[in-house]
PDB file of N, CA and C in Angstrom:
ATOM      1  N   MET A   1     169.208-272.186-210.220  1.00  0.00           N
ATOM      2  CA  MET A   1     170.611-272.251-210.451  1.00  0.00           C
ATOM      3  C   MET A   1     171.219-272.012-209.048  1.00  0.00           C
ATOM      4  N   SER A   2     172.335-272.814-208.760  1.00  0.00           N
ATOM      5  CA  SER A   2     172.925-272.739-207.588  1.00  0.00           C
ATOM      6  C   SER A   2     174.041-271.475-207.437  1.00  0.00           C
ATOM      7  N   LYS A   3     174.215-271.110-206.325  1.00  0.00           N
ATOM      8  CA  LYS A   3     175.244-270.130-206.195  1.00  0.00           C
ATOM      9  C   LYS A   3     176.745-270.640-206.404  1.00  0.00           C
ATOM     10  N   TYR A   4     177.548-269.717-206.976  1.00  0.00           N
ATOM     11  CA  TYR A   4     178.792-270.192-207.393  1.00  0.00           C
ATOM     12  C   TYR A   4     179.674-270.495-206.117  1.00  0.00           C
ATOM     13  N   ASP A   5     180.331-271.637-206.128  1.00  0.00           N
ATOM     14  CA  ASP A   5     181.044-271.871-205.062  1.00  0.00           C
ATOM     15  C   ASP A   5     182.576-272.432-205.522  1.00  0.00           C
ATOM     16  N   ALA A   6     183.564-271.683-205.283  1.00  0.00           N
ATOM     17  CA  ALA A   6     184.906-271.938-205.838  1.00  0.00           C
ATOM     18  C   ALA A   6     185.333-273.358-205.230  1.00  0.00           C
ATOM     19  N   ASN A   7     184.908-273.804-204.171  1.00  0.00           N
ATOM     20  CA  ASN A   7     185.342-275.196-203.551  1.00  0.00           C
ATOM     21  C   ASN A   7     184.823-276.359-204.357  1.00  0.00           C
ATOM     22  N   ASN A   8     183.937-276.216-205.266  1.00  0.00           N
ATOM     23  CA  ASN A   8     183.341-277.212-205.965  1.00  0.00           C
ATOM     24  C   ASN A   8     184.051-277.248-207.457  1.00  0.00           C
ATOM     25  N   ILE A   9     185.091-276.490-207.598  1.00  0.00           N
ATOM     26  CA  ILE A   9     185.927-276.662-208.838  1.00  0.00           C
ATOM     27  C   ILE A   9     187.075-277.528-208.567  1.00  0.00           C
ATOM     28  N   THR A  10     187.327-278.577-209.415  1.00  0.00           N
ATOM     29  CA  THR A  10     188.393-279.365-209.156  1.00  0.00           C
ATOM     30  C   THR A  10     189.835-278.783-209.472  1.00  0.00           C
ATOM     31  N   TRP A  11     190.852-279.532-209.236  1.00  0.00           N
ATOM     32  CA  TRP A  11     192.094-278.948-209.397  1.00  0.00           C
ATOM     33  C   TRP A  11     192.370-278.871-210.903  1.00  0.00           C
ATOM     34  N   LYS A  12     191.815-279.784-211.706  1.00  0.00           N
ATOM     35  CA  LYS A  12     191.978-279.891-213.106  1.00  0.00           C
ATOM     36  C   LYS A  12     191.427-278.663-213.768  1.00  0.00           C
ATOM     37  N   GLN A  13     190.330-278.346-213.316  1.00  0.00           N
ATOM     38  CA  GLN A  13     189.576-277.136-213.756  1.00  0.00           C
ATOM     39  C   GLN A  13     190.211-275.870-213.507  1.00  0.00           C
ATOM     40  N   HIS A  14     190.858-275.741-212.352  1.00  0.00           N
ATOM     41  CA  HIS A  14     191.761-274.568-212.037  1.00  0.00           C
ATOM     42  C   HIS A  14     192.937-274.558-212.883  1.00  0.00           C
ATOM     43  N   GLY A  15     193.401-275.636-213.103  1.00  0.00           N
ATOM     44  CA  GLY A  15     194.634-275.860-213.922  1.00  0.00           C
ATOM     45  C   GLY A  15     194.420-275.384-215.431  1.00  0.00           C
ATOM     46  N   ILE A  16     193.300-275.914-215.947  1.00  0.00           N
ATOM     47  CA  ILE A  16     192.983-275.487-217.346  1.00  0.00           C
ATOM     48  C   ILE A  16     192.596-274.072-217.424  1.00  0.00           C
ATOM     49  N   GLY A  17     191.777-273.583-216.586  1.00  0.00           N
ATOM     50  CA  GLY A  17     191.558-272.159-216.566  1.00  0.00           C
ATOM     51  C   GLY A  17     192.748-271.332-216.564  1.00  0.00           C
ATOM     52  N   PHE A  18     193.658-271.689-215.668  1.00  0.00           N
ATOM     53  CA  PHE A  18     194.994-270.844-215.511  1.00  0.00           C
ATOM     54  C   PHE A  18     195.815-270.994-216.707  1.00  0.00           C
ATOM     55  N   GLY A  19     195.803-272.396-217.310  1.00  0.00           N
ATOM     56  CA  GLY A  19     196.611-272.348-218.557  1.00  0.00           C
ATOM     57  C   GLY A  19     196.147-271.637-219.685  1.00  0.00           C
ATOM     58  N   VAL A  20     194.753-271.586-219.929  1.00  0.00           N
ATOM     59  CA  VAL A  20     194.169-270.817-220.930  1.00  0.00           C
ATOM     60  C   VAL A  20     194.429-269.434-220.739  1.00  0.00           C
ATOM     61  N   PHE A  21     194.256-269.009-219.582  1.00  0.00           N
ATOM     62  CA  PHE A  21     194.573-267.628-219.352  1.00  0.00           C
ATOM     63  C   PHE A  21     195.912-267.021-219.614  1.00  0.00           C
ATOM     64  N   ILE A  22     196.928-267.903-219.199  1.00  0.00           N
ATOM     65  CA  ILE A  22     198.291-267.378-219.466  1.00  0.00           C
ATOM     66  C   ILE A  22     198.641-267.661-220.877  1.00  0.00           C
ATOM     67  N   TYR A  23     197.964-268.597-221.526  1.00  0.00           N
ATOM     68  CA  TYR A  23     198.171-268.736-223.116  1.00  0.00           C
ATOM     69  C   TYR A  23     197.762-267.515-223.892  1.00  0.00           C
ATOM     70  N   ILE A  24     196.516-267.084-223.580  1.00  0.00           N
ATOM     71  CA  ILE A  24     195.956-265.885-224.314  1.00  0.00           C
ATOM     72  C   ILE A  24     196.687-264.711-223.971  1.00  0.00           C
ATOM     73  N   LEU A  25     197.023-264.503-222.684  1.00  0.00           N
ATOM     74  CA  LEU A  25     197.831-263.396-222.308  1.00  0.00           C
ATOM     75  C   LEU A  25     199.217-263.288-222.938  1.00  0.00           C
ATOM     76  N   ASN A  26     199.930-264.276-222.861  1.00  0.00           N
ATOM     77  CA  ASN A  26     201.276-264.261-223.491  1.00  0.00           C
ATOM     78  C   ASN A  26     201.406-264.525-224.927  1.00  0.00           C
ATOM     79  N   THR A  27     200.346-265.082-225.490  1.00  0.00           N
ATOM     80  CA  THR A  27     200.387-265.322-226.929  1.00  0.00           C
ATOM     81  C   THR A  27     199.820-264.140-227.727  1.00  0.00           C
ATOM     82  N   PHE A  28     198.757-263.557-227.286  1.00  0.00           N
ATOM     83  CA  PHE A  28     198.036-262.462-228.073  1.00  0.00           C
ATOM     84  C   PHE A  28     198.172-261.062-227.350  1.00  0.00           C
ATOM     85  N   VAL A  29     197.776-260.947-226.058  1.00  0.00           N
ATOM     86  CA  VAL A  29     197.667-259.765-225.461  1.00  0.00           C
ATOM     87  C   VAL A  29     199.022-259.047-225.400  1.00  0.00           C
ATOM     88  N   ILE A  30     199.929-259.560-224.700  1.00  0.00           N
ATOM     89  CA  ILE A  30     201.155-258.883-224.399  1.00  0.00           C
ATOM     90  C   ILE A  30     201.945-258.547-225.860  1.00  0.00           C
ATOM     91  N   PRO A  31     201.997-259.470-226.776  1.00  0.00           N
ATOM     92  CA  PRO A  31     202.525-258.992-228.085  1.00  0.00           C
ATOM     93  C   PRO A  31     201.855-257.933-228.718  1.00  0.00           C
ATOM     94  N   TYR A  32     200.499-257.873-228.511  1.00  0.00           N
ATOM     95  CA  TYR A  32     199.750-256.881-229.322  1.00  0.00           C
ATOM     96  C   TYR A  32     200.115-255.351-228.630  1.00  0.00           C
ATOM     97  N   PHE A  33     200.123-255.375-227.289  1.00  0.00           N
ATOM     98  CA  PHE A  33     200.462-254.020-226.722  1.00  0.00           C
ATOM     99  C   PHE A  33     201.945-253.712-226.601  1.00  0.00           C
ATOM    100  N   SER A  34     202.835-254.616-227.015  1.00  0.00           N
ATOM    101  CA  SER A  34     204.210-254.268-227.160  1.00  0.00           C
ATOM    102  C   SER A  34     204.727-254.086-228.581  1.00  0.00           C
ATOM    103  N   GLY A  35     203.685-254.304-229.346  1.00  0.00           N
ATOM    104  CA  GLY A  35     203.955-254.020-231.011  1.00  0.00           C
ATOM    105  C   GLY A  35     204.808-255.206-231.555  1.00  0.00           C
ATOM    106  N   GLN A  36     204.782-256.506-231.007  1.00  0.00           N
ATOM    107  CA  GLN A  36     205.495-257.590-231.661  1.00  0.00           C
ATOM    108  C   GLN A  36     204.530-258.284-232.499  1.00  0.00           C
ATOM    109  N   GLU A  37     205.040-259.113-233.409  1.00  0.00           N
ATOM    110  CA  GLU A  37     204.137-259.860-234.386  1.00  0.00           C
ATOM    111  C   GLU A  37     203.850-261.199-233.741  1.00  0.00           C
ATOM    112  N   VAL A  38     202.635-261.538-233.952  1.00  0.00           N
ATOM    113  CA  VAL A  38     202.032-262.966-233.545  1.00  0.00           C
ATOM    114  C   VAL A  38     202.261-263.814-234.773  1.00  0.00           C
ATOM    115  N   THR A  39     203.167-264.864-234.439  1.00  0.00           N
ATOM    116  CA  THR A  39     203.313-265.607-235.700  1.00  0.00           C
ATOM    117  C   THR A  39     202.847-267.110-235.280  1.00  0.00           C
ATOM    118  N   LEU A  40     202.765-267.992-236.292  1.00  0.00           N
ATOM    119  CA  LEU A  40     202.276-269.414-235.959  1.00  0.00           C
ATOM    120  C   LEU A  40     203.233-270.025-235.052  1.00  0.00           C
ATOM    121  N   GLU A  41     204.464-269.777-235.229  1.00  0.00           N
ATOM    122  CA  GLU A  41     205.584-270.443-234.369  1.00  0.00           C
ATOM    123  C   GLU A  41     205.364-269.989-232.828  1.00  0.00           C
ATOM    124  N   SER A  42     205.154-268.744-232.642  1.00  0.00           N
ATOM    125  CA  SER A  42     204.920-268.402-231.213  1.00  0.00           C
ATOM    126  C   SER A  42     203.627-268.806-230.695  1.00  0.00           C
ATOM    127  N   ILE A  43     202.648-269.093-231.539  1.00  0.00           N
ATOM    128  CA  ILE A  43     201.444-269.654-231.146  1.00  0.00           C
ATOM    129  C   ILE A  43     201.523-271.123-230.661  1.00  0.00           C
ATOM    130  N   LEU A  44     202.298-271.967-231.566  1.00  0.00           N
ATOM    131  CA  LEU A  44     202.411-273.299-231.222  1.00  0.00           C
ATOM    132  C   LEU A  44     203.440-273.564-230.060  1.00  0.00           C
ATOM    133  N   PHE A  45     204.449-272.652-230.031  1.00  0.00           N
ATOM    134  CA  PHE A  45     205.475-272.731-228.998  1.00  0.00           C
ATOM    135  C   PHE A  45     204.920-272.689-227.613  1.00  0.00           C
ATOM    136  N   MET A  46     203.924-271.747-227.427  1.00  0.00           N
ATOM    137  CA  MET A  46     203.407-271.542-226.124  1.00  0.00           C
ATOM    138  C   MET A  46     202.531-272.590-225.534  1.00  0.00           C
ATOM    139  N   ILE A  47     201.956-273.547-226.455  1.00  0.00           N
ATOM    140  CA  ILE A  47     201.030-274.528-226.057  1.00  0.00           C
ATOM    141  C   ILE A  47     201.445-275.486-224.945  1.00  0.00           C
ATOM    142  N   PRO A  48     202.649-276.217-225.248  1.00  0.00           N
ATOM    143  CA  PRO A  48     203.065-277.140-224.195  1.00  0.00           C
ATOM    144  C   PRO A  48     203.612-276.308-222.864  1.00  0.00           C
ATOM    145  N   ILE A  49     204.148-275.169-223.034  1.00  0.00           N
ATOM    146  CA  ILE A  49     204.548-274.388-221.742  1.00  0.00           C
ATOM    147  C   ILE A  49     203.257-273.992-220.975  1.00  0.00           C
ATOM    148  N   CYS A  50     202.139-273.649-221.547  1.00  0.00           N
ATOM    149  CA  CYS A  50     201.122-273.245-220.863  1.00  0.00           C
ATOM    150  C   CYS A  50     200.248-274.509-220.153  1.00  0.00           C
ATOM    151  N   ILE A  51     200.305-275.602-221.113  1.00  0.00           N
ATOM    152  CA  ILE A  51     199.739-276.742-220.477  1.00  0.00           C
ATOM    153  C   ILE A  51     200.516-277.240-219.104  1.00  0.00           C
ATOM    154  N   ALA A  52     201.937-277.165-219.169  1.00  0.00           N
ATOM    155  CA  ALA A  52     202.622-277.516-218.124  1.00  0.00           C
ATOM    156  C   ALA A  52     202.495-276.588-216.894  1.00  0.00           C
ATOM    157  N   ALA A  53     202.361-275.142-217.140  1.00  0.00           N
ATOM    158  CA  ALA A  53     202.087-274.352-216.170  1.00  0.00           C
ATOM    159  C   ALA A  53     200.789-274.417-215.466  1.00  0.00           C
ATOM    160  N   GLY A  54     199.584-274.749-216.362  1.00  0.00           N
ATOM    161  CA  GLY A  54     198.462-274.921-215.925  1.00  0.00           C
ATOM    162  C   GLY A  54     198.279-276.153-215.076  1.00  0.00           C
ATOM    163  N   PHE A  55     199.037-277.190-215.375  1.00  0.00           N
ATOM    164  CA  PHE A  55     199.018-278.452-214.657  1.00  0.00           C
ATOM    165  C   PHE A  55     199.700-278.282-213.327  1.00  0.00           C
ATOM    166  N   ALA A  56     200.802-277.691-213.406  1.00  0.00           N
ATOM    167  CA  ALA A  56     201.595-277.273-212.079  1.00  0.00           C
ATOM    168  C   ALA A  56     200.604-276.465-211.147  1.00  0.00           C
ATOM    169  N   PHE A  57     199.923-275.441-211.696  1.00  0.00           N
ATOM    170  CA  PHE A  57     199.244-274.544-210.831  1.00  0.00           C
ATOM    171  C   PHE A  57     197.915-275.367-210.296  1.00  0.00           C
ATOM    172  N   GLY A  58     197.519-276.192-211.014  1.00  0.00           N
ATOM    173  CA  GLY A  58     196.325-277.061-210.520  1.00  0.00           C
ATOM    174  C   GLY A  58     196.676-278.046-209.585  1.00  0.00           C
ATOM    175  N   ARG A  59     197.856-278.576-209.688  1.00  0.00           N
ATOM    176  CA  ARG A  59     198.408-279.366-208.563  1.00  0.00           C
ATOM    177  C   ARG A  59     198.762-278.773-207.323  1.00  0.00           C
ATOM    178  N   PHE A  60     199.227-277.503-207.478  1.00  0.00           N
ATOM    179  CA  PHE A  60     199.523-276.608-206.335  1.00  0.00           C
ATOM    180  C   PHE A  60     198.096-276.207-205.587  1.00  0.00           C
ATOM    181  N   ARG A  61     197.053-276.043-206.339  1.00  0.00           N
ATOM    182  CA  ARG A  61     195.828-275.789-205.760  1.00  0.00           C
ATOM    183  C   ARG A  61     195.276-276.911-204.943  1.00  0.00           C
ATOM    184  N   LYS A  62     195.447-278.204-205.599  1.00  0.00           N
ATOM    185  CA  LYS A  62     195.121-279.449-204.853  1.00  0.00           C
ATOM    186  C   LYS A  62     195.836-279.619-203.679  1.00  0.00           C
ATOM    187  N   TRP A  63     197.150-279.474-203.812  1.00  0.00           N
ATOM    188  CA  TRP A  63     198.049-279.588-202.514  1.00  0.00           C
ATOM    189  C   TRP A  63     197.529-278.592-201.337  1.00  0.00           C
ATOM    190  N   GLN A  64     197.239-277.328-201.840  1.00  0.00           N
ATOM    191  CA  GLN A  64     196.832-276.235-200.837  1.00  0.00           C
ATOM    192  C   GLN A  64     195.564-276.535-200.269  1.00  0.00           C
ATOM    193  N   ALA A  65     194.628-277.137-201.116  1.00  0.00           N
ATOM    194  CA  ALA A  65     193.250-277.376-200.364  1.00  0.00           C
ATOM    195  C   ALA A  65     193.489-278.636-199.414  1.00  0.00           C
ATOM    196  N   GLU A  66     194.202-279.633-199.850  1.00  0.00           N
ATOM    197  CA  GLU A  66     194.400-280.780-198.923  1.00  0.00           C
ATOM    198  C   GLU A  66     195.064-280.372-197.565  1.00  0.00           C
ATOM    199  N   ARG A  67     196.031-279.330-197.757  1.00  0.00           N
ATOM    200  CA  ARG A  67     196.911-279.022-196.638  1.00  0.00           C
ATOM    201  C   ARG A  67     195.841-278.204-195.629  1.00  0.00           C
ATOM    202  N   ASN A  68     194.992-277.423-196.200  1.00  0.00           N
ATOM    203  CA  ASN A  68     193.968-276.591-195.256  1.00  0.00           C
ATOM    204  C   ASN A  68     192.797-277.371-194.784  1.00  0.00           C
ATOM    205  N   ASN A  69     192.663-278.688-195.107  1.00  0.00           N
ATOM    206  CA  ASN A  69     191.596-279.538-194.500  1.00  0.00           C
ATOM    207  C   ASN A  69     192.090-280.290-193.306  1.00  0.00           C
TER     208      ASN A  69
END
């Protein structure tokens, strides 16, 4: 098995990872610790927001990598 290298991860993978992270954090973790109720509406509402945020983060990582080369 080869050593992990963050440079081999594409911008899409960075974006998906970030989107999933903020989705889980904002949909389940933060409401749990603040005592709020998790509803189906809140779960479905966060999906397009987190997809857009993940895509934007991935594009930023791509731009940042191209600028540094």
